[in-house]
Every structure is written in C-alpha cells, then in structure tokens.
Amino acid sequence: MTAAANLLSDPFNLVITGVGGQGNVLASRVLGSMLTQKGYSVTIGETFGASQRGGSVMSHLRISSKGTWSPQIPKGRAHVVVSLEPTEALRVLYEYGNPDVYVLCNTRPVHSIAVISGQFKYPEQDELRQWIRDLSAKAWFLEATGAAMAMGNAIFANIMMIGALSAADILPVDKDTFKDAVSNMMAADKVSVNCDAFARGADMLLAEGISGA
C-alpha cells in the first residue's frame, strides 16, 4: 500500500510514555504495526528506567512517508505525547515538548516508592492538568485505567489510549487497521476484547471533545 502524504509533519514524532507494567511497549508495537499497514515507515526507539520497579518507560515513534529516520526524537520536537501516567506526561513535555504538541493523558496516577514512603508529594490532579495544558497546544484527559478495570484488567488502558488517538484525527489509523494489527500479534481469543478496549478509548475521547482542553 502506498503511504498517503497526509501527516501533519514528515517525519511525525510521537512519544508513548508510562511506567513499567502499563503496557507501554505493546502499545507502541501495535501503533507501529497499524501505521506500517498504511504504508508508512515507522522507526521505534525505547528507553527504560528500572521498568520492573515501576520506572519510566518511553517509546519514540518516528513516522514517515519518505523513508527511515533515526529512532531518537530530537529534543523539543515531539508532535504528540500519549501518556499512560500524568507525571510521565510532564517528564516528556519538559524534554521533548513544544508549543504545538498535542497530549493524550490517562489521568490515573501511579505513585512511586518515594511518594508512597512520604519522601515526595504527588501533585494534585488540577495542578497536573494545568501544567500539561500550559505545555501543550491541545490536551485530552481520559480516565482510561478506570474504564479498563471495568473491563476486568487495568492493562487495557494502553489499548484504550491508542483508540483515543485514532479518534483525535491526528494519524490515519482506525478500528479495522487495529483489528488487523492485533490479529497478527495476539492469540485469537484476545482479539475481540482488545478491539472492545480500542473502541471504548475512541468513544472516551469523542465524549471528552475533539477540540481538546
């Protein structure tokens, strides 16, 4: 399939971030597969910070209709940040953000050991949202973890966030491309529930409002 030249920028730089155990890497692989099906070249680079202990995990996706790019997004050059944890969104925005960046953020916090032990205080939700808004052109805030837990497993939040991204009309990805991607990556009995999670994420963003906050 020939790639459509409808990226907002080429290369298009997207970061998926979260903490260990949230399914960050799977989300990046699924999205990369979806875009490859559309004919784009996708390079993925990842960084891990003690991921087994809830450390930061960040995936860089560089998407292009023209060729392959290095896996590391230049500082200050992200176009979209998809965050599975609010403070991780801030961490990425400070390093890779710019006034034109879009953010999709799962609102459920994951407290570090330092916060749990009382060494540090986790920011208030209202503060976090305002900081993220201040550092972005558009921001959407979704309670993906709660919706995922209602489905039976918090891990589905990662797929919900990819569904939300599809509804934001930023990249040419949709439910049919998602089904094809997960059918090639997962056991047959996992496909239906993941498609459900994807659709719920898309519905959540539409309910939040396509214009963002």
N, C-alpha and C. Protein backbone atom coordinates (compact mmCIF):
# COMPACT_ATOMS: atom_id res chain seq x y z
N MET A 1 0.84 -1.19 0.00
CA MET A 1 0.00 0.00 0.00
C MET A 1 0.88 1.24 0.00
N THR A 2 0.53 2.21 -0.81
CA THR A 2 1.28 3.46 -0.86
C THR A 2 0.86 4.38 0.27
N ALA A 3 1.82 4.94 0.96
CA ALA A 3 1.51 5.82 2.10
C ALA A 3 0.86 7.10 1.61
N ALA A 4 -0.22 7.49 2.26
CA ALA A 4 -0.85 8.78 1.97
C ALA A 4 0.00 9.89 2.58
N ALA A 5 0.19 10.95 1.83
CA ALA A 5 1.03 12.05 2.33
C ALA A 5 0.18 13.04 3.13
N ASN A 6 -0.41 12.54 4.21
CA ASN A 6 -1.29 13.40 5.00
C ASN A 6 -0.85 13.52 6.45
N LEU A 7 0.42 13.31 6.71
CA LEU A 7 0.95 13.54 8.04
C LEU A 7 1.03 15.04 8.30
N LEU A 8 0.82 15.45 9.53
CA LEU A 8 0.95 16.86 9.87
C LEU A 8 2.37 17.35 9.68
N SER A 9 3.32 16.43 9.83
CA SER A 9 4.73 16.72 9.61
C SER A 9 5.40 15.42 9.19
N ASP A 10 6.46 15.51 8.43
CA ASP A 10 7.17 14.30 8.00
C ASP A 10 8.67 14.52 8.20
N PRO A 11 9.28 13.81 9.18
CA PRO A 11 8.67 12.74 9.98
C PRO A 11 7.73 13.30 11.04
N PHE A 12 6.79 12.45 11.42
CA PHE A 12 5.87 12.77 12.51
C PHE A 12 6.39 12.07 13.75
N ASN A 13 6.60 12.85 14.81
CA ASN A 13 7.26 12.33 16.02
C ASN A 13 6.24 12.15 17.15
N LEU A 14 6.12 10.93 17.62
CA LEU A 14 5.14 10.61 18.66
C LEU A 14 5.83 9.86 19.80
N VAL A 15 5.51 10.24 21.02
CA VAL A 15 6.05 9.56 22.20
C VAL A 15 4.91 8.90 22.96
N ILE A 16 5.08 7.62 23.28
CA ILE A 16 4.18 6.93 24.20
C ILE A 16 4.96 6.71 25.49
N THR A 17 4.43 7.19 26.59
CA THR A 17 5.17 7.11 27.85
C THR A 17 4.29 6.57 28.97
N GLY A 18 4.92 5.99 29.95
CA GLY A 18 4.22 5.46 31.11
C GLY A 18 5.24 4.90 32.08
N VAL A 19 4.81 3.98 32.93
CA VAL A 19 5.72 3.33 33.85
C VAL A 19 5.66 1.83 33.61
N GLY A 20 6.67 1.12 34.12
CA GLY A 20 6.74 -0.31 33.93
C GLY A 20 5.48 -1.02 34.38
N GLY A 21 4.98 -1.90 33.53
CA GLY A 21 3.79 -2.68 33.86
C GLY A 21 2.51 -2.15 33.24
N GLN A 22 2.57 -0.98 32.58
CA GLN A 22 1.37 -0.41 31.98
C GLN A 22 1.15 -0.80 30.52
N GLY A 23 2.07 -1.55 29.95
CA GLY A 23 1.89 -1.99 28.57
C GLY A 23 2.31 -0.98 27.54
N ASN A 24 3.24 -0.12 27.91
CA ASN A 24 3.74 0.93 27.02
C ASN A 24 4.34 0.35 25.73
N VAL A 25 5.17 -0.66 25.88
CA VAL A 25 5.87 -1.22 24.73
C VAL A 25 4.88 -1.89 23.78
N LEU A 26 3.90 -2.61 24.31
CA LEU A 26 2.89 -3.23 23.46
C LEU A 26 2.13 -2.17 22.67
N ALA A 27 1.77 -1.08 23.33
CA ALA A 27 1.04 0.00 22.65
C ALA A 27 1.85 0.55 21.48
N SER A 28 3.15 0.73 21.68
CA SER A 28 3.98 1.26 20.61
C SER A 28 4.09 0.27 19.46
N ARG A 29 4.18 -1.02 19.78
CA ARG A 29 4.26 -2.04 18.73
C ARG A 29 2.96 -2.11 17.93
N VAL A 30 1.84 -2.03 18.62
CA VAL A 30 0.55 -2.08 17.93
C VAL A 30 0.39 -0.87 17.02
N LEU A 31 0.67 0.32 17.54
CA LEU A 31 0.53 1.52 16.73
C LEU A 31 1.49 1.49 15.55
N GLY A 32 2.71 1.04 15.78
CA GLY A 32 3.67 0.93 14.69
C GLY A 32 3.19 -0.01 13.60
N SER A 33 2.60 -1.14 14.01
CA SER A 33 2.07 -2.10 13.04
C SER A 33 0.92 -1.49 12.24
N MET A 34 0.06 -0.75 12.92
CA MET A 34 -1.07 -0.11 12.24
C MET A 34 -0.58 0.86 11.16
N LEU A 35 0.40 1.65 11.49
CA LEU A 35 0.91 2.65 10.55
C LEU A 35 1.69 2.00 9.41
N THR A 36 2.38 0.92 9.72
CA THR A 36 3.08 0.19 8.67
C THR A 36 2.10 -0.37 7.65
N GLN A 37 0.96 -0.86 8.15
CA GLN A 37 -0.09 -1.34 7.24
C GLN A 37 -0.57 -0.25 6.29
N LYS A 38 -0.54 0.99 6.77
CA LYS A 38 -0.97 2.12 5.95
C LYS A 38 0.12 2.56 4.96
N GLY A 39 1.26 1.92 5.01
CA GLY A 39 2.32 2.22 4.06
C GLY A 39 3.40 3.14 4.56
N TYR A 40 3.36 3.50 5.83
CA TYR A 40 4.36 4.40 6.39
C TYR A 40 5.57 3.63 6.89
N SER A 41 6.69 4.29 6.87
CA SER A 41 7.89 3.78 7.52
C SER A 41 7.86 4.22 8.98
N VAL A 42 8.02 3.28 9.90
CA VAL A 42 7.95 3.58 11.34
C VAL A 42 9.20 3.06 12.02
N THR A 43 9.91 3.97 12.68
CA THR A 43 11.07 3.60 13.48
C THR A 43 10.71 3.79 14.95
N ILE A 44 10.99 2.76 15.78
CA ILE A 44 10.64 2.82 17.19
C ILE A 44 11.91 2.71 18.02
N GLY A 45 12.08 3.65 18.94
CA GLY A 45 13.18 3.60 19.90
C GLY A 45 12.62 3.67 21.30
N GLU A 46 13.22 2.95 22.24
CA GLU A 46 12.66 2.88 23.59
C GLU A 46 13.73 3.12 24.65
N THR A 47 13.28 3.73 25.75
CA THR A 47 14.14 3.88 26.91
C THR A 47 13.42 3.34 28.12
N PHE A 48 14.17 2.73 29.02
CA PHE A 48 13.59 2.11 30.21
C PHE A 48 14.33 2.60 31.45
N GLY A 49 13.56 2.97 32.46
CA GLY A 49 14.15 3.38 33.73
C GLY A 49 13.67 2.47 34.84
N ALA A 50 14.40 1.40 35.09
CA ALA A 50 14.02 0.43 36.13
C ALA A 50 12.56 0.02 35.96
N SER A 51 12.21 -0.41 34.73
CA SER A 51 10.81 -0.65 34.39
C SER A 51 10.15 -1.72 35.25
N GLN A 52 10.92 -2.70 35.71
CA GLN A 52 10.34 -3.74 36.56
C GLN A 52 9.87 -3.18 37.89
N ARG A 53 10.39 -2.03 38.29
CA ARG A 53 10.04 -1.44 39.58
C ARG A 53 9.17 -0.19 39.41
N GLY A 54 8.44 -0.14 38.31
CA GLY A 54 7.57 0.99 38.09
C GLY A 54 8.29 2.23 37.60
N GLY A 55 9.47 2.04 37.00
CA GLY A 55 10.21 3.18 36.48
C GLY A 55 9.65 3.65 35.15
N SER A 56 10.15 4.77 34.67
CA SER A 56 9.68 5.37 33.43
C SER A 56 9.99 4.47 32.23
N VAL A 57 9.02 4.40 31.32
CA VAL A 57 9.21 3.71 30.05
C VAL A 57 8.75 4.67 28.96
N MET A 58 9.57 4.86 27.94
CA MET A 58 9.24 5.81 26.89
C MET A 58 9.56 5.22 25.53
N SER A 59 8.58 5.26 24.63
CA SER A 59 8.77 4.79 23.26
C SER A 59 8.70 5.97 22.31
N HIS A 60 9.71 6.10 21.46
CA HIS A 60 9.72 7.12 20.41
C HIS A 60 9.28 6.47 19.11
N LEU A 61 8.27 7.02 18.46
CA LEU A 61 7.86 6.55 17.14
C LEU A 61 8.08 7.68 16.14
N ARG A 62 8.83 7.38 15.10
CA ARG A 62 9.09 8.35 14.04
C ARG A 62 8.46 7.80 12.76
N ILE A 63 7.46 8.51 12.27
CA ILE A 63 6.58 8.03 11.22
C ILE A 63 6.80 8.88 9.98
N SER A 64 7.00 8.21 8.83
CA SER A 64 7.34 8.97 7.63
C SER A 64 6.80 8.29 6.37
N SER A 65 6.47 9.10 5.39
CA SER A 65 6.11 8.58 4.07
C SER A 65 7.30 8.65 3.12
N LYS A 66 8.44 9.13 3.61
CA LYS A 66 9.60 9.38 2.75
C LYS A 66 10.77 8.44 2.99
N GLY A 67 10.84 7.83 4.17
CA GLY A 67 11.97 6.97 4.45
C GLY A 67 12.13 6.71 5.93
N THR A 68 13.26 6.12 6.29
CA THR A 68 13.53 5.74 7.67
C THR A 68 14.36 6.81 8.37
N TRP A 69 13.99 7.11 9.62
CA TRP A 69 14.69 8.11 10.42
C TRP A 69 15.33 7.45 11.64
N SER A 70 16.23 8.17 12.28
CA SER A 70 16.84 7.65 13.50
C SER A 70 15.76 7.45 14.56
N PRO A 71 15.95 6.51 15.48
CA PRO A 71 14.89 6.19 16.45
C PRO A 71 14.71 7.21 17.56
N GLN A 72 15.61 8.14 17.70
CA GLN A 72 15.52 9.11 18.79
C GLN A 72 14.94 10.43 18.29
N ILE A 73 13.84 10.87 18.88
CA ILE A 73 13.25 12.16 18.54
C ILE A 73 14.15 13.27 19.08
N PRO A 74 14.45 14.28 18.28
CA PRO A 74 15.26 15.40 18.80
C PRO A 74 14.53 16.12 19.94
N LYS A 75 15.29 16.68 20.85
CA LYS A 75 14.71 17.40 21.97
C LYS A 75 13.81 18.54 21.47
N GLY A 76 12.64 18.65 22.07
CA GLY A 76 11.71 19.72 21.71
C GLY A 76 10.97 19.51 20.41
N ARG A 77 10.98 18.27 19.85
CA ARG A 77 10.42 18.07 18.52
C ARG A 77 9.29 17.04 18.48
N ALA A 78 8.69 16.72 19.61
CA ALA A 78 7.54 15.79 19.59
C ALA A 78 6.31 16.50 19.04
N HIS A 79 5.52 15.78 18.27
CA HIS A 79 4.24 16.30 17.78
C HIS A 79 3.07 15.85 18.64
N VAL A 80 3.19 14.63 19.18
CA VAL A 80 2.14 14.08 20.04
C VAL A 80 2.79 13.31 21.18
N VAL A 81 2.22 13.45 22.38
CA VAL A 81 2.61 12.63 23.53
C VAL A 81 1.37 11.88 23.99
N VAL A 82 1.47 10.56 24.02
CA VAL A 82 0.42 9.72 24.59
C VAL A 82 0.97 9.19 25.91
N SER A 83 0.35 9.59 27.01
CA SER A 83 0.89 9.24 28.32
C SER A 83 -0.08 8.36 29.10
N LEU A 84 0.45 7.27 29.63
CA LEU A 84 -0.35 6.36 30.45
C LEU A 84 -0.36 6.77 31.91
N GLU A 85 0.41 7.82 32.26
CA GLU A 85 0.51 8.28 33.65
C GLU A 85 0.78 9.79 33.64
N PRO A 86 0.08 10.58 34.44
CA PRO A 86 0.16 12.04 34.32
C PRO A 86 1.54 12.66 34.52
N THR A 87 2.27 12.25 35.55
CA THR A 87 3.57 12.88 35.77
C THR A 87 4.57 12.49 34.68
N GLU A 88 4.36 11.33 34.06
CA GLU A 88 5.23 10.94 32.94
C GLU A 88 4.98 11.85 31.75
N ALA A 89 3.76 12.33 31.58
CA ALA A 89 3.48 13.31 30.52
C ALA A 89 4.32 14.56 30.73
N LEU A 90 4.37 15.03 31.96
CA LEU A 90 5.17 16.22 32.26
C LEU A 90 6.65 15.97 31.99
N ARG A 91 7.11 14.81 32.39
CA ARG A 91 8.53 14.48 32.20
C ARG A 91 8.90 14.57 30.72
N VAL A 92 8.04 14.02 29.87
CA VAL A 92 8.31 14.04 28.44
C VAL A 92 8.17 15.44 27.86
N LEU A 93 7.15 16.17 28.30
CA LEU A 93 6.92 17.51 27.77
C LEU A 93 8.09 18.45 28.06
N TYR A 94 8.67 18.35 29.23
CA TYR A 94 9.79 19.22 29.57
C TYR A 94 10.99 18.98 28.64
N GLU A 95 11.11 17.75 28.17
CA GLU A 95 12.28 17.41 27.35
C GLU A 95 11.98 17.45 25.85
N TYR A 96 10.81 16.99 25.46
CA TYR A 96 10.51 16.85 24.03
C TYR A 96 9.35 17.72 23.55
N GLY A 97 8.70 18.43 24.46
CA GLY A 97 7.54 19.23 24.11
C GLY A 97 7.89 20.54 23.42
N ASN A 98 6.86 21.20 22.94
CA ASN A 98 6.96 22.49 22.28
C ASN A 98 5.56 23.09 22.27
N PRO A 99 5.39 24.35 21.91
CA PRO A 99 4.07 24.97 21.99
C PRO A 99 3.00 24.34 21.10
N ASP A 100 3.40 23.53 20.11
CA ASP A 100 2.43 22.94 19.17
C ASP A 100 2.10 21.48 19.47
N VAL A 101 2.65 20.93 20.52
CA VAL A 101 2.47 19.50 20.79
C VAL A 101 1.06 19.19 21.29
N TYR A 102 0.53 18.03 20.90
CA TYR A 102 -0.74 17.53 21.38
C TYR A 102 -0.47 16.45 22.44
N VAL A 103 -1.33 16.37 23.45
CA VAL A 103 -1.15 15.40 24.52
C VAL A 103 -2.45 14.64 24.77
N LEU A 104 -2.36 13.33 24.85
CA LEU A 104 -3.45 12.48 25.33
C LEU A 104 -2.95 11.83 26.61
N CYS A 105 -3.65 12.08 27.70
CA CYS A 105 -3.14 11.68 29.02
C CYS A 105 -4.16 10.87 29.80
N ASN A 106 -3.76 9.68 30.21
CA ASN A 106 -4.53 8.89 31.17
C ASN A 106 -4.40 9.57 32.54
N THR A 107 -5.51 9.77 33.23
CA THR A 107 -5.47 10.56 34.46
C THR A 107 -5.12 9.78 35.72
N ARG A 108 -5.11 8.45 35.67
CA ARG A 108 -4.87 7.66 36.87
C ARG A 108 -3.39 7.71 37.27
N PRO A 109 -3.07 8.18 38.48
CA PRO A 109 -1.66 8.24 38.90
C PRO A 109 -1.11 6.87 39.28
N VAL A 110 0.18 6.72 39.12
CA VAL A 110 0.92 5.58 39.64
C VAL A 110 1.98 6.15 40.57
N HIS A 111 1.85 5.90 41.85
CA HIS A 111 2.75 6.51 42.83
C HIS A 111 4.07 5.75 42.92
N SER A 112 5.14 6.51 42.89
CA SER A 112 6.47 5.93 43.04
C SER A 112 6.71 5.54 44.50
N ILE A 113 7.78 4.80 44.73
CA ILE A 113 8.14 4.42 46.10
C ILE A 113 8.40 5.66 46.94
N ALA A 114 9.00 6.69 46.33
CA ALA A 114 9.29 7.92 47.07
C ALA A 114 8.00 8.59 47.54
N VAL A 115 6.96 8.54 46.72
CA VAL A 115 5.68 9.12 47.11
C VAL A 115 5.01 8.26 48.18
N ILE A 116 5.03 6.95 47.97
CA ILE A 116 4.40 6.03 48.93
C ILE A 116 5.06 6.14 50.31
N SER A 117 6.37 6.33 50.32
CA SER A 117 7.11 6.42 51.59
C SER A 117 7.00 7.79 52.25
N GLY A 118 6.41 8.74 51.54
CA GLY A 118 6.26 10.08 52.10
C GLY A 118 7.42 11.01 51.81
N GLN A 119 8.41 10.55 51.06
CA GLN A 119 9.57 11.39 50.75
C GLN A 119 9.18 12.54 49.82
N PHE A 120 8.27 12.25 48.87
CA PHE A 120 7.78 13.26 47.95
C PHE A 120 6.26 13.26 47.96
N LYS A 121 5.70 14.39 47.57
CA LYS A 121 4.25 14.52 47.48
C LYS A 121 3.83 14.50 46.01
N TYR A 122 2.85 13.68 45.70
CA TYR A 122 2.35 13.61 44.32
C TYR A 122 1.50 14.86 44.07
N PRO A 123 1.67 15.52 42.91
CA PRO A 123 0.90 16.74 42.65
C PRO A 123 -0.61 16.48 42.62
N GLU A 124 -1.37 17.50 42.91
CA GLU A 124 -2.82 17.42 42.80
C GLU A 124 -3.23 17.31 41.33
N GLN A 125 -4.34 16.62 41.08
CA GLN A 125 -4.80 16.43 39.71
C GLN A 125 -5.03 17.75 38.98
N ASP A 126 -5.62 18.72 39.65
CA ASP A 126 -5.87 20.01 39.00
C ASP A 126 -4.57 20.69 38.60
N GLU A 127 -3.55 20.57 39.45
CA GLU A 127 -2.25 21.14 39.14
C GLU A 127 -1.64 20.46 37.92
N LEU A 128 -1.67 19.13 37.92
CA LEU A 128 -1.11 18.38 36.80
C LEU A 128 -1.77 18.75 35.49
N ARG A 129 -3.08 18.82 35.50
CA ARG A 129 -3.79 19.15 34.26
C ARG A 129 -3.42 20.54 33.76
N GLN A 130 -3.33 21.48 34.68
CA GLN A 130 -2.99 22.83 34.25
C GLN A 130 -1.58 22.90 33.71
N TRP A 131 -0.65 22.23 34.35
CA TRP A 131 0.73 22.22 33.86
C TRP A 131 0.81 21.62 32.46
N ILE A 132 0.09 20.52 32.26
CA ILE A 132 0.09 19.87 30.95
C ILE A 132 -0.54 20.78 29.90
N ARG A 133 -1.64 21.42 30.25
CA ARG A 133 -2.26 22.38 29.32
C ARG A 133 -1.29 23.51 28.97
N ASP A 134 -0.58 24.00 29.98
CA ASP A 134 0.34 25.11 29.75
C ASP A 134 1.48 24.74 28.81
N LEU A 135 1.80 23.46 28.76
CA LEU A 135 2.94 23.00 27.96
C LEU A 135 2.53 22.40 26.62
N SER A 136 1.26 22.53 26.24
CA SER A 136 0.79 21.90 25.01
C SER A 136 -0.20 22.79 24.27
N ALA A 137 -0.40 22.48 22.99
CA ALA A 137 -1.39 23.20 22.19
C ALA A 137 -2.79 22.66 22.45
N LYS A 138 -2.89 21.34 22.60
CA LYS A 138 -4.15 20.67 22.93
C LYS A 138 -3.84 19.55 23.91
N ALA A 139 -4.78 19.30 24.82
CA ALA A 139 -4.61 18.19 25.76
C ALA A 139 -5.96 17.55 26.02
N TRP A 140 -5.97 16.21 26.01
CA TRP A 140 -7.15 15.44 26.35
C TRP A 140 -6.83 14.60 27.58
N PHE A 141 -7.75 14.56 28.53
CA PHE A 141 -7.54 13.82 29.78
C PHE A 141 -8.62 12.73 29.89
N LEU A 142 -8.18 11.49 29.97
CA LEU A 142 -9.09 10.35 29.93
C LEU A 142 -8.85 9.43 31.12
N GLU A 143 -9.92 8.99 31.77
CA GLU A 143 -9.79 8.04 32.88
C GLU A 143 -9.78 6.63 32.29
N ALA A 144 -8.71 6.33 31.56
CA ALA A 144 -8.61 5.06 30.85
C ALA A 144 -8.45 3.89 31.81
N THR A 145 -7.71 4.08 32.89
CA THR A 145 -7.49 2.97 33.83
C THR A 145 -8.80 2.52 34.45
N GLY A 146 -9.63 3.46 34.87
CA GLY A 146 -10.92 3.11 35.45
C GLY A 146 -11.78 2.35 34.47
N ALA A 147 -11.82 2.81 33.22
CA ALA A 147 -12.60 2.13 32.20
C ALA A 147 -12.04 0.74 31.92
N ALA A 148 -10.70 0.62 31.95
CA ALA A 148 -10.07 -0.68 31.73
C ALA A 148 -10.39 -1.65 32.86
N MET A 149 -10.37 -1.14 34.09
CA MET A 149 -10.69 -2.00 35.23
C MET A 149 -12.13 -2.49 35.16
N ALA A 150 -13.02 -1.65 34.62
CA ALA A 150 -14.41 -2.07 34.44
C ALA A 150 -14.51 -3.21 33.43
N MET A 151 -13.51 -3.31 32.55
CA MET A 151 -13.46 -4.42 31.60
C MET A 151 -12.80 -5.66 32.20
N GLY A 152 -12.21 -5.49 33.37
CA GLY A 152 -11.62 -6.64 34.04
C GLY A 152 -10.12 -6.62 34.20
N ASN A 153 -9.43 -5.64 33.57
CA ASN A 153 -7.98 -5.63 33.67
C ASN A 153 -7.47 -4.23 33.34
N ALA A 154 -6.72 -3.62 34.28
CA ALA A 154 -6.22 -2.26 34.09
C ALA A 154 -5.28 -2.14 32.90
N ILE A 155 -4.69 -3.24 32.45
CA ILE A 155 -3.73 -3.19 31.36
C ILE A 155 -4.37 -2.72 30.06
N PHE A 156 -5.69 -2.86 29.94
CA PHE A 156 -6.35 -2.44 28.71
C PHE A 156 -6.29 -0.93 28.51
N ALA A 157 -5.88 -0.18 29.52
CA ALA A 157 -5.75 1.27 29.37
C ALA A 157 -4.80 1.63 28.24
N ASN A 158 -3.77 0.83 28.02
CA ASN A 158 -2.83 1.15 26.94
C ASN A 158 -3.52 1.10 25.58
N ILE A 159 -4.36 0.09 25.37
CA ILE A 159 -5.08 -0.02 24.11
C ILE A 159 -6.16 1.06 23.99
N MET A 160 -6.78 1.40 25.11
CA MET A 160 -7.76 2.49 25.08
C MET A 160 -7.13 3.80 24.64
N MET A 161 -5.92 4.05 25.07
CA MET A 161 -5.26 5.29 24.68
C MET A 161 -4.93 5.30 23.18
N ILE A 162 -4.64 4.14 22.60
CA ILE A 162 -4.44 4.07 21.15
C ILE A 162 -5.77 4.29 20.43
N GLY A 163 -6.85 3.76 21.00
CA GLY A 163 -8.17 4.03 20.44
C GLY A 163 -8.50 5.51 20.49
N ALA A 164 -8.17 6.15 21.60
CA ALA A 164 -8.40 7.59 21.73
C ALA A 164 -7.60 8.36 20.69
N LEU A 165 -6.36 7.96 20.47
CA LEU A 165 -5.53 8.61 19.46
C LEU A 165 -6.18 8.51 18.08
N SER A 166 -6.77 7.37 17.78
CA SER A 166 -7.42 7.19 16.48
C SER A 166 -8.58 8.17 16.30
N ALA A 167 -9.28 8.46 17.39
CA ALA A 167 -10.43 9.37 17.32
C ALA A 167 -10.03 10.83 17.28
N ALA A 168 -8.78 11.14 17.63
CA ALA A 168 -8.32 12.53 17.64
C ALA A 168 -8.05 13.06 16.24
N ASP A 169 -8.08 12.17 15.26
CA ASP A 169 -7.90 12.57 13.86
C ASP A 169 -6.54 13.21 13.62
N ILE A 170 -5.54 12.65 14.28
CA ILE A 170 -4.17 13.14 14.12
C ILE A 170 -3.38 12.26 13.16
N LEU A 171 -3.62 10.95 13.23
CA LEU A 171 -2.95 9.98 12.39
C LEU A 171 -3.98 9.12 11.66
N PRO A 172 -3.64 8.58 10.49
CA PRO A 172 -4.58 7.78 9.71
C PRO A 172 -4.68 6.34 10.21
N VAL A 173 -5.24 6.17 11.40
CA VAL A 173 -5.43 4.83 11.96
C VAL A 173 -6.90 4.68 12.36
N ASP A 174 -7.41 3.46 12.29
CA ASP A 174 -8.82 3.22 12.56
C ASP A 174 -9.02 1.82 13.12
N LYS A 175 -10.26 1.48 13.43
CA LYS A 175 -10.56 0.21 14.09
C LYS A 175 -10.24 -0.99 13.21
N ASP A 176 -10.41 -0.87 11.90
CA ASP A 176 -10.11 -2.00 11.02
C ASP A 176 -8.61 -2.28 10.98
N THR A 177 -7.82 -1.21 10.91
CA THR A 177 -6.36 -1.37 10.93
C THR A 177 -5.92 -1.96 12.26
N PHE A 178 -6.57 -1.52 13.35
CA PHE A 178 -6.22 -2.06 14.67
C PHE A 178 -6.52 -3.56 14.72
N LYS A 179 -7.69 -3.96 14.26
CA LYS A 179 -8.04 -5.39 14.30
C LYS A 179 -7.05 -6.23 13.51
N ASP A 180 -6.64 -5.73 12.35
CA ASP A 180 -5.64 -6.46 11.56
C ASP A 180 -4.32 -6.58 12.32
N ALA A 181 -3.93 -5.48 12.98
CA ALA A 181 -2.65 -5.49 13.70
C ALA A 181 -2.67 -6.47 14.86
N VAL A 182 -3.70 -6.42 15.70
CA VAL A 182 -3.72 -7.30 16.87
C VAL A 182 -3.97 -8.75 16.47
N SER A 183 -4.65 -8.97 15.35
CA SER A 183 -4.85 -10.34 14.87
C SER A 183 -3.53 -11.00 14.52
N ASN A 184 -2.56 -10.19 14.09
CA ASN A 184 -1.24 -10.71 13.76
C ASN A 184 -0.30 -10.78 14.95
N MET A 185 -0.68 -10.13 16.06
CA MET A 185 0.22 -10.03 17.20
C MET A 185 -0.25 -10.80 18.43
N MET A 186 -1.53 -11.13 18.49
CA MET A 186 -2.10 -11.74 19.69
C MET A 186 -2.83 -13.03 19.36
N ALA A 187 -3.03 -13.85 20.39
CA ALA A 187 -3.82 -15.06 20.23
C ALA A 187 -5.24 -14.70 19.83
N ALA A 188 -5.90 -15.56 19.09
CA ALA A 188 -7.23 -15.28 18.55
C ALA A 188 -8.23 -14.92 19.64
N ASP A 189 -8.10 -15.55 20.82
CA ASP A 189 -9.08 -15.29 21.88
C ASP A 189 -8.87 -13.94 22.57
N LYS A 190 -7.80 -13.22 22.22
CA LYS A 190 -7.53 -11.91 22.81
C LYS A 190 -7.98 -10.76 21.90
N VAL A 191 -8.28 -11.07 20.65
CA VAL A 191 -8.55 -10.03 19.67
C VAL A 191 -9.82 -9.26 20.00
N SER A 192 -10.89 -9.96 20.29
CA SER A 192 -12.18 -9.31 20.50
C SER A 192 -12.16 -8.32 21.66
N VAL A 193 -11.57 -8.72 22.79
CA VAL A 193 -11.57 -7.85 23.96
C VAL A 193 -10.67 -6.63 23.73
N ASN A 194 -9.59 -6.81 22.99
CA ASN A 194 -8.74 -5.67 22.68
C ASN A 194 -9.42 -4.72 21.70
N CYS A 195 -10.19 -5.24 20.77
CA CYS A 195 -10.96 -4.38 19.87
C CYS A 195 -12.01 -3.59 20.65
N ASP A 196 -12.58 -4.23 21.66
CA ASP A 196 -13.54 -3.55 22.52
C ASP A 196 -12.86 -2.41 23.27
N ALA A 197 -11.66 -2.67 23.80
CA ALA A 197 -10.91 -1.63 24.52
C ALA A 197 -10.56 -0.46 23.59
N PHE A 198 -10.16 -0.78 22.37
CA PHE A 198 -9.83 0.25 21.39
C PHE A 198 -11.05 1.14 21.12
N ALA A 199 -12.21 0.51 20.92
CA ALA A 199 -13.43 1.26 20.64
C ALA A 199 -13.85 2.12 21.83
N ARG A 200 -13.67 1.60 23.04
CA ARG A 200 -14.02 2.38 24.22
C ARG A 200 -13.12 3.60 24.36
N GLY A 201 -11.85 3.44 24.05
CA GLY A 201 -10.95 4.58 24.09
C GLY A 201 -11.35 5.66 23.11
N ALA A 202 -11.71 5.25 21.90
CA ALA A 202 -12.16 6.21 20.89
C ALA A 202 -13.41 6.95 21.38
N ASP A 203 -14.35 6.21 21.96
CA ASP A 203 -15.58 6.81 22.46
C ASP A 203 -15.30 7.80 23.61
N MET A 204 -14.32 7.46 24.45
CA MET A 204 -13.97 8.34 25.55
C MET A 204 -13.43 9.67 25.05
N LEU A 205 -12.60 9.63 24.03
CA LEU A 205 -12.08 10.90 23.52
C LEU A 205 -13.18 11.73 22.87
N LEU A 206 -14.06 11.08 22.12
CA LEU A 206 -15.16 11.81 21.49
C LEU A 206 -16.06 12.44 22.55
N ALA A 207 -16.25 11.74 23.67
CA ALA A 207 -17.04 12.30 24.76
C ALA A 207 -16.32 13.47 25.43
N GLU A 208 -14.98 13.39 25.48
CA GLU A 208 -14.18 14.47 26.06
C GLU A 208 -14.24 15.72 25.18
N GLY A 209 -14.35 15.51 23.88
CA GLY A 209 -14.42 16.63 22.94
C GLY A 209 -13.21 16.66 22.04
N ILE A 210 -13.44 16.64 20.75
CA ILE A 210 -12.34 16.53 19.79
C ILE A 210 -11.41 17.73 19.83
N SER A 211 -11.90 18.88 20.30
CA SER A 211 -11.06 20.09 20.30
C SER A 211 -10.03 20.09 21.41
N GLY A 212 -10.16 19.19 22.38
CA GLY A 212 -9.21 19.13 23.48
C GLY A 212 -9.45 20.22 24.50
N ALA A 213 -8.57 20.25 25.53
CA ALA A 213 -8.73 21.21 26.62
C ALA A 213 -7.73 22.34 26.51
